[in-house]
Amino acid sequence: MLEVEFYGVRGPQPLALSRKVMKERLLKTLENYQGEDLNTEENRLSFIEASLEEAPFTGGHSNCVRLHGHEEAIILFGAGSGLKACGQKLLEERNSPKEIYLFLSHTHWDYISGLPYFEPLFHEEYSVNIMSCSERLKEQCELFLNGFSHLQKGSIKATLYYQVLQTAKMKNLGQVKVTPYSMNEEGSNVAFLASDTQKSVVYSTDTNYQYIYNNSEDNSWLNGVDMWVYDAMYNFDDYLECLDEAHSTSLVGVDMALQNQVKHLVLYHFEHDYNEKELECLRSHTQAYAESHNGHSKDMKISLAYEGMRLNA
């Protein structure tokens, strides 16, 4: 069984917990108040927890996803600002594996900005393997770690490896296999298909999927997968103003997911300025669009990712 855990869902920038964001969150929480007794701290905490369960806070960190399943190694995708919280959690899991595989779809700054804050890097018992199809992987990561961060020389204690992957060639991690697939003609950005003998998950971001939908004849990387973690950065109106960018809209994701019989479409990598109401509109409009496909969507689930969410594939 594969399970996906989200530590960061924004893109390309993190969203600070500003006064405006806090106000929106508090208003949403108060909307759930129905006269409960809030005179004790225990009752207040219980009310807050129940409110978060009913209307989860999307969070402000940028991309970072962990794949659980066969815990022979730690498998991560994306090294945005959410990587810091992920690293802290790994240190708390004293019995978790010390072998970490970090897969990068590409090496834009927002996909490696969390590296200097990834706690396992500073502990010698860890081995961190950074994997990407970028030919300049080591150069770009080390430039960021050594030249554009606060780290001092020698502060990294973990064993650090870099491996340049080849597209469409499987990386065997015990019972889990990870295969990168090119998402553009230049091969500068890839999607990752992770699978075991029972389940499959695709993680893909920073791609304008309208181009792939219109031009690709081979979507074998997506066909029949159990879960697709999908770049739903823009709502449709904003997407029309950004057609030349390497990002997509959830509606194209629905079209491709239904065409390829995807079982669960997870919307992810949201525009950092979108507030909770705008994201809920994004989800509801996506659901309505899927349901307009003459009943073909009845077997496909749609979810909106948020920090702390864990989903079974």
Protein backbone atom coordinates (compact mmCIF):
# COMPACT_ATOMS: atom_id res chain seq x y z
CA MET A 1 0.00 0.00 0.00
CA LEU A 2 1.31 3.43 -0.97
CA GLU A 3 0.37 6.56 0.95
CA VAL A 4 1.09 10.20 0.09
CA GLU A 5 1.75 12.86 2.74
CA PHE A 6 1.86 16.59 1.95
CA TYR A 7 4.30 18.98 3.63
CA GLY A 8 3.94 21.85 1.15
CA VAL A 9 1.29 22.46 -1.52
CA ARG A 10 1.94 25.99 -2.80
CA GLY A 11 3.91 27.11 -5.81
CA PRO A 12 6.08 28.67 -6.86
CA GLN A 13 6.42 30.82 -3.73
CA PRO A 14 5.52 30.07 -0.10
CA LEU A 15 2.72 32.08 1.48
CA ALA A 16 3.58 33.89 4.71
CA LEU A 17 1.12 33.60 7.60
CA SER A 18 0.20 37.27 7.35
CA ARG A 19 -2.40 39.17 9.35
CA LYS A 20 -4.76 38.88 6.38
CA VAL A 21 -4.35 35.10 6.21
CA MET A 22 -4.86 34.76 9.98
CA LYS A 23 -8.01 36.89 9.80
CA GLU A 24 -9.45 34.71 7.03
CA ARG A 25 -8.66 31.57 9.01
CA LEU A 26 -10.22 32.92 12.22
CA LEU A 27 -13.37 33.95 10.36
CA LYS A 28 -13.64 30.47 8.88
CA THR A 29 -13.24 28.95 12.33
CA LEU A 30 -15.89 31.20 13.89
CA GLU A 31 -18.34 30.25 11.16
CA ASN A 32 -18.34 26.75 12.65
CA TYR A 33 -19.26 27.97 16.15
CA GLN A 34 -22.66 26.64 17.24
CA GLY A 35 -22.80 27.61 20.89
CA GLU A 36 -20.27 25.15 22.26
CA ASP A 37 -18.87 25.70 25.75
CA LEU A 38 -15.48 27.35 25.24
CA ASN A 39 -14.77 28.26 28.86
CA THR A 40 -11.87 25.81 29.24
CA GLU A 41 -8.67 25.47 27.26
CA GLU A 42 -9.46 21.83 26.58
CA ASN A 43 -12.84 22.73 25.06
CA ARG A 44 -11.31 25.51 22.99
CA LEU A 45 -8.63 23.18 21.60
CA SER A 46 -11.27 20.56 20.84
CA PHE A 47 -13.36 23.13 18.96
CA ILE A 48 -10.34 24.29 16.94
CA GLU A 49 -9.38 20.71 16.05
CA ALA A 50 -12.94 19.96 14.94
CA SER A 51 -12.98 23.14 12.85
CA LEU A 52 -9.71 22.18 11.13
CA GLU A 53 -11.09 18.71 10.40
CA GLU A 54 -14.15 20.23 8.76
CA ALA A 55 -12.27 22.96 6.86
CA PRO A 56 -8.52 22.16 6.75
CA PHE A 57 -6.04 25.00 6.39
CA THR A 58 -4.28 24.64 3.05
CA GLY A 59 -1.02 25.99 4.44
CA GLY A 60 1.63 28.24 3.00
CA HIS A 61 4.66 26.05 2.30
CA SER A 62 5.82 25.28 -1.23
CA ASN A 63 6.16 21.83 -2.72
CA CYS A 64 7.20 18.80 -0.72
CA VAL A 65 5.56 15.37 -0.76
CA ARG A 66 6.50 12.15 1.04
CA LEU A 67 5.65 8.71 -0.27
CA HIS A 68 4.96 6.12 2.44
CA GLY A 69 4.59 2.41 1.93
CA HIS A 70 7.42 -0.03 2.16
CA GLU A 71 9.67 1.84 4.58
CA GLU A 72 12.96 0.47 3.26
CA ALA A 73 13.93 4.09 2.54
CA ILE A 74 12.46 7.58 2.80
CA ILE A 75 11.09 8.75 -0.57
CA LEU A 76 10.45 12.47 -1.11
CA PHE A 77 9.40 14.61 -4.07
CA GLY A 78 10.20 18.32 -4.22
CA ALA A 79 12.46 20.39 -1.96
CA GLY A 80 10.42 23.55 -1.50
CA SER A 81 9.95 25.25 1.86
CA GLY A 82 7.87 22.30 3.11
CA LEU A 83 11.07 20.24 3.22
CA LYS A 84 12.02 21.87 6.52
CA ALA A 85 8.98 20.51 8.37
CA CYS A 86 9.48 17.17 6.68
CA GLY A 87 13.07 16.98 7.89
CA GLN A 88 12.07 17.83 11.44
CA LYS A 89 9.46 15.07 11.36
CA LEU A 90 12.04 12.56 10.14
CA LEU A 91 14.30 13.34 13.10
CA GLU A 92 11.39 12.67 15.45
CA GLU A 93 10.87 9.24 13.86
CA ARG A 94 13.77 7.56 15.61
CA ASN A 95 13.17 4.16 14.01
CA SER A 96 12.67 5.43 10.46
CA PRO A 97 15.23 4.54 7.74
CA LYS A 98 18.30 6.74 7.43
CA GLU A 99 18.49 6.35 3.65
CA ILE A 100 16.66 9.25 1.94
CA TYR A 101 15.84 9.58 -1.76
CA LEU A 102 14.83 13.09 -2.81
CA PHE A 103 13.45 13.34 -6.35
CA LEU A 104 13.45 16.73 -8.10
CA SER A 105 11.32 17.24 -11.20
CA HIS A 106 13.62 20.16 -12.07
CA THR A 107 16.00 22.51 -10.28
CA HIS A 108 14.27 25.89 -10.34
CA TRP A 109 14.96 27.74 -7.09
CA ASP A 110 11.48 27.05 -5.67
CA TYR A 111 12.16 23.33 -5.99
CA ILE A 112 15.41 23.41 -4.03
CA SER A 113 14.86 26.35 -1.65
CA GLY A 114 14.23 24.02 1.28
CA LEU A 115 17.56 22.18 1.00
CA PRO A 116 19.55 24.39 3.43
CA TYR A 117 16.89 23.78 6.10
CA PHE A 118 16.60 20.01 5.72
CA GLU A 119 17.72 18.77 9.15
CA PRO A 120 18.90 15.26 8.13
CA LEU A 121 21.69 16.93 6.12
CA PHE A 122 23.33 17.92 9.41
CA HIS A 123 23.36 14.44 10.97
CA GLU A 124 26.05 11.96 9.98
CA GLU A 125 23.83 8.89 10.33
CA TYR A 126 21.82 9.92 7.26
CA SER A 127 22.50 9.28 3.61
CA VAL A 128 20.73 11.75 1.29
CA ASN A 129 20.42 10.89 -2.40
CA ILE A 130 19.27 13.79 -4.58
CA MET A 131 17.88 12.55 -7.91
CA SER A 132 16.93 14.48 -11.03
CA CYS A 133 17.19 14.36 -14.81
CA SER A 134 18.97 17.72 -14.86
CA GLU A 135 22.53 17.41 -16.18
CA ARG A 136 23.52 20.30 -13.91
CA LEU A 137 21.97 18.78 -10.79
CA LYS A 138 25.05 18.81 -8.56
CA GLU A 139 26.25 22.20 -9.80
CA GLN A 140 22.90 23.87 -9.18
CA CYS A 141 22.22 22.29 -5.79
CA GLU A 142 25.69 22.97 -4.46
CA LEU A 143 25.61 26.54 -5.74
CA PHE A 144 22.42 27.02 -3.75
CA LEU A 145 23.70 25.21 -0.65
CA ASN A 146 27.16 26.75 -0.61
CA GLY A 147 26.73 30.09 -2.30
CA PHE A 148 23.20 31.31 -1.67
CA SER A 149 22.41 30.05 1.80
CA HIS A 150 23.48 30.60 5.40
CA LEU A 151 25.35 27.31 5.65
CA GLN A 152 28.98 27.31 6.72
CA LYS A 153 31.59 25.09 5.10
CA GLY A 154 31.57 21.63 6.65
CA SER A 155 28.12 21.97 8.24
CA ILE A 156 26.68 19.14 6.15
CA LYS A 157 27.43 15.91 8.04
CA ALA A 158 25.24 13.46 6.11
CA THR A 159 26.58 11.47 3.20
CA LEU A 160 25.33 13.39 0.17
CA TYR A 161 24.97 11.85 -3.27
CA TYR A 162 23.74 13.25 -6.57
CA GLN A 163 22.42 11.06 -9.36
CA VAL A 164 21.33 12.21 -12.81
CA LEU A 165 18.49 9.99 -13.98
CA GLN A 166 17.54 9.09 -17.53
CA THR A 167 13.96 9.62 -18.61
CA ALA A 168 11.78 6.51 -18.88
CA LYS A 169 14.39 4.44 -17.01
CA MET A 170 13.23 2.94 -13.74
CA LYS A 171 14.96 3.54 -10.39
CA ASN A 172 14.55 0.49 -8.19
CA LEU A 173 14.14 1.29 -4.47
CA GLY A 174 13.32 -2.16 -3.17
CA GLN A 175 9.60 -2.78 -3.48
CA VAL A 176 8.99 0.73 -4.85
CA LYS A 177 9.97 1.66 -8.39
CA VAL A 178 10.30 5.30 -9.50
CA THR A 179 10.42 6.26 -13.18
CA PRO A 180 10.86 9.80 -14.57
CA TYR A 181 9.00 10.85 -17.73
CA SER A 182 9.77 14.00 -19.69
CA MET A 183 7.05 16.66 -19.65
CA ASN A 184 8.48 18.90 -22.36
CA GLU A 185 10.52 18.68 -25.55
CA GLU A 186 13.70 19.87 -23.83
CA GLY A 187 13.44 17.24 -21.09
CA SER A 188 14.07 19.95 -18.49
CA ASN A 189 11.07 18.95 -16.38
CA VAL A 190 9.84 15.45 -15.55
CA ALA A 191 6.95 13.69 -13.87
CA PHE A 192 7.65 10.75 -11.56
CA LEU A 193 5.67 7.52 -11.61
CA ALA A 194 6.08 5.62 -8.33
CA SER A 195 4.64 2.13 -8.02
CA ASP A 196 4.75 -1.14 -6.14
CA THR A 197 3.06 -4.41 -7.08
CA GLN A 198 -0.40 -3.05 -6.19
CA LYS A 199 -0.59 0.74 -6.41
CA SER A 200 0.78 3.63 -8.49
CA VAL A 201 1.19 7.37 -7.92
CA VAL A 202 2.23 10.10 -10.37
CA TYR A 203 3.78 13.32 -9.04
CA SER A 204 4.02 16.11 -11.64
CA THR A 205 4.26 19.89 -11.47
CA ASP A 206 5.37 22.95 -13.44
CA THR A 207 3.89 21.76 -16.71
CA ASN A 208 1.29 23.19 -19.06
CA TYR A 209 -0.70 20.02 -19.58
CA GLN A 210 -2.83 21.52 -22.33
CA TYR A 211 0.18 21.09 -24.62
CA ILE A 212 0.58 17.44 -23.60
CA TYR A 213 -3.16 16.82 -23.91
CA ASN A 214 -3.16 18.22 -27.45
CA ASN A 215 0.12 16.79 -28.71
CA SER A 216 1.23 13.69 -26.84
CA GLU A 217 0.38 10.29 -28.27
CA ASP A 218 1.98 8.40 -25.39
CA ASN A 219 0.59 8.94 -21.91
CA SER A 220 1.56 5.50 -20.65
CA TRP A 221 3.06 7.16 -17.56
CA LEU A 222 -0.47 8.21 -16.55
CA ASN A 223 -2.69 5.45 -17.87
CA GLY A 224 -4.71 3.79 -15.12
CA VAL A 225 -2.73 5.18 -12.17
CA ASP A 226 -4.33 5.15 -8.74
CA MET A 227 -3.38 8.74 -7.87
CA TRP A 228 -2.18 11.77 -9.80
CA VAL A 229 -0.67 14.63 -7.76
CA TYR A 230 -1.32 17.36 -10.30
CA ASP A 231 -0.20 20.95 -10.92
CA ALA A 232 -3.48 22.88 -10.55
CA MET A 233 -1.79 26.23 -10.10
CA TYR A 234 -4.39 28.46 -11.76
CA ASN A 235 -8.13 28.79 -11.89
CA PHE A 236 -9.41 28.96 -15.46
CA ASP A 237 -9.60 32.77 -15.71
CA ASP A 238 -6.01 33.23 -14.52
CA TYR A 239 -4.85 30.37 -16.73
CA LEU A 240 -6.10 32.20 -19.84
CA GLU A 241 -3.77 35.08 -18.97
CA CYS A 242 -0.78 32.75 -18.47
CA LEU A 243 -1.00 30.36 -21.41
CA ASP A 244 2.71 30.62 -22.15
CA GLU A 245 3.74 29.64 -18.62
CA ALA A 246 4.71 26.12 -17.57
CA HIS A 247 1.70 25.70 -15.31
CA SER A 248 -1.78 24.37 -15.74
CA THR A 249 -5.40 24.48 -14.67
CA SER A 250 -7.45 21.81 -12.93
CA LEU A 251 -9.88 21.50 -15.85
CA VAL A 252 -7.18 20.19 -18.19
CA GLY A 253 -6.24 17.77 -15.41
CA VAL A 254 -9.82 16.45 -15.37
CA ASP A 255 -9.77 15.92 -19.14
CA MET A 256 -6.46 14.04 -19.04
CA ALA A 257 -7.36 12.07 -15.92
CA LEU A 258 -10.65 10.85 -17.36
CA GLN A 259 -9.04 10.07 -20.71
CA ASN A 260 -6.41 7.95 -18.95
CA GLN A 261 -8.72 6.38 -16.34
CA VAL A 262 -6.98 7.91 -13.33
CA LYS A 263 -8.71 6.88 -10.10
CA HIS A 264 -7.86 9.85 -7.87
CA LEU A 265 -6.93 13.37 -9.04
CA VAL A 266 -5.23 15.41 -6.29
CA LEU A 267 -5.05 19.15 -6.98
CA TYR A 268 -1.71 20.59 -5.85
CA HIS A 269 0.90 23.36 -6.33
CA PHE A 270 -1.52 26.28 -6.00
CA GLU A 271 -0.85 29.91 -6.83
CA HIS A 272 0.55 31.33 -3.58
CA ASP A 273 -1.86 34.28 -3.52
CA TYR A 274 -5.04 32.17 -3.56
CA ASN A 275 -6.92 32.31 -0.26
CA GLU A 276 -9.06 29.55 1.25
CA LYS A 277 -12.27 30.70 -0.45
CA GLU A 278 -10.59 30.87 -3.84
CA LEU A 279 -9.17 27.38 -3.38
CA GLU A 280 -12.55 25.99 -2.35
CA CYS A 281 -14.02 27.57 -5.51
CA LEU A 282 -11.24 25.91 -7.50
CA ARG A 283 -12.15 22.54 -6.00
CA SER A 284 -15.92 22.93 -6.45
CA HIS A 285 -15.60 24.16 -10.04
CA THR A 286 -13.27 21.26 -10.83
CA GLN A 287 -15.76 18.79 -9.33
CA ALA A 288 -18.64 20.33 -11.29
CA TYR A 289 -16.64 20.21 -14.52
CA ALA A 290 -15.82 16.54 -13.95
CA GLU A 291 -19.48 15.72 -13.27
CA SER A 292 -20.47 17.40 -16.54
CA HIS A 293 -18.73 14.62 -18.48
CA ASN A 294 -21.91 12.56 -18.87
CA GLY A 295 -21.28 10.43 -15.81
CA HIS A 296 -17.82 9.32 -16.89
CA SER A 297 -16.32 10.89 -13.75
CA LYS A 298 -18.32 8.84 -11.22
CA ASP A 299 -15.40 6.50 -10.55
CA MET A 300 -12.78 9.27 -10.18
CA LYS A 301 -12.21 11.03 -6.87
CA ILE A 302 -11.01 14.66 -6.70
CA SER A 303 -9.19 16.10 -3.67
CA LEU A 304 -7.64 19.45 -2.79
CA ALA A 305 -4.25 18.92 -1.14
CA TYR A 306 -3.38 20.64 2.13
CA GLU A 307 -0.44 20.51 4.53
CA GLY A 308 -0.63 17.48 6.80
CA MET A 309 -2.97 15.57 4.49
CA ARG A 310 -2.28 11.83 4.11
CA LEU A 311 -3.99 9.87 1.37
CA ASN A 312 -3.98 6.20 0.49
CA ALA A 313 -3.29 5.59 -3.18
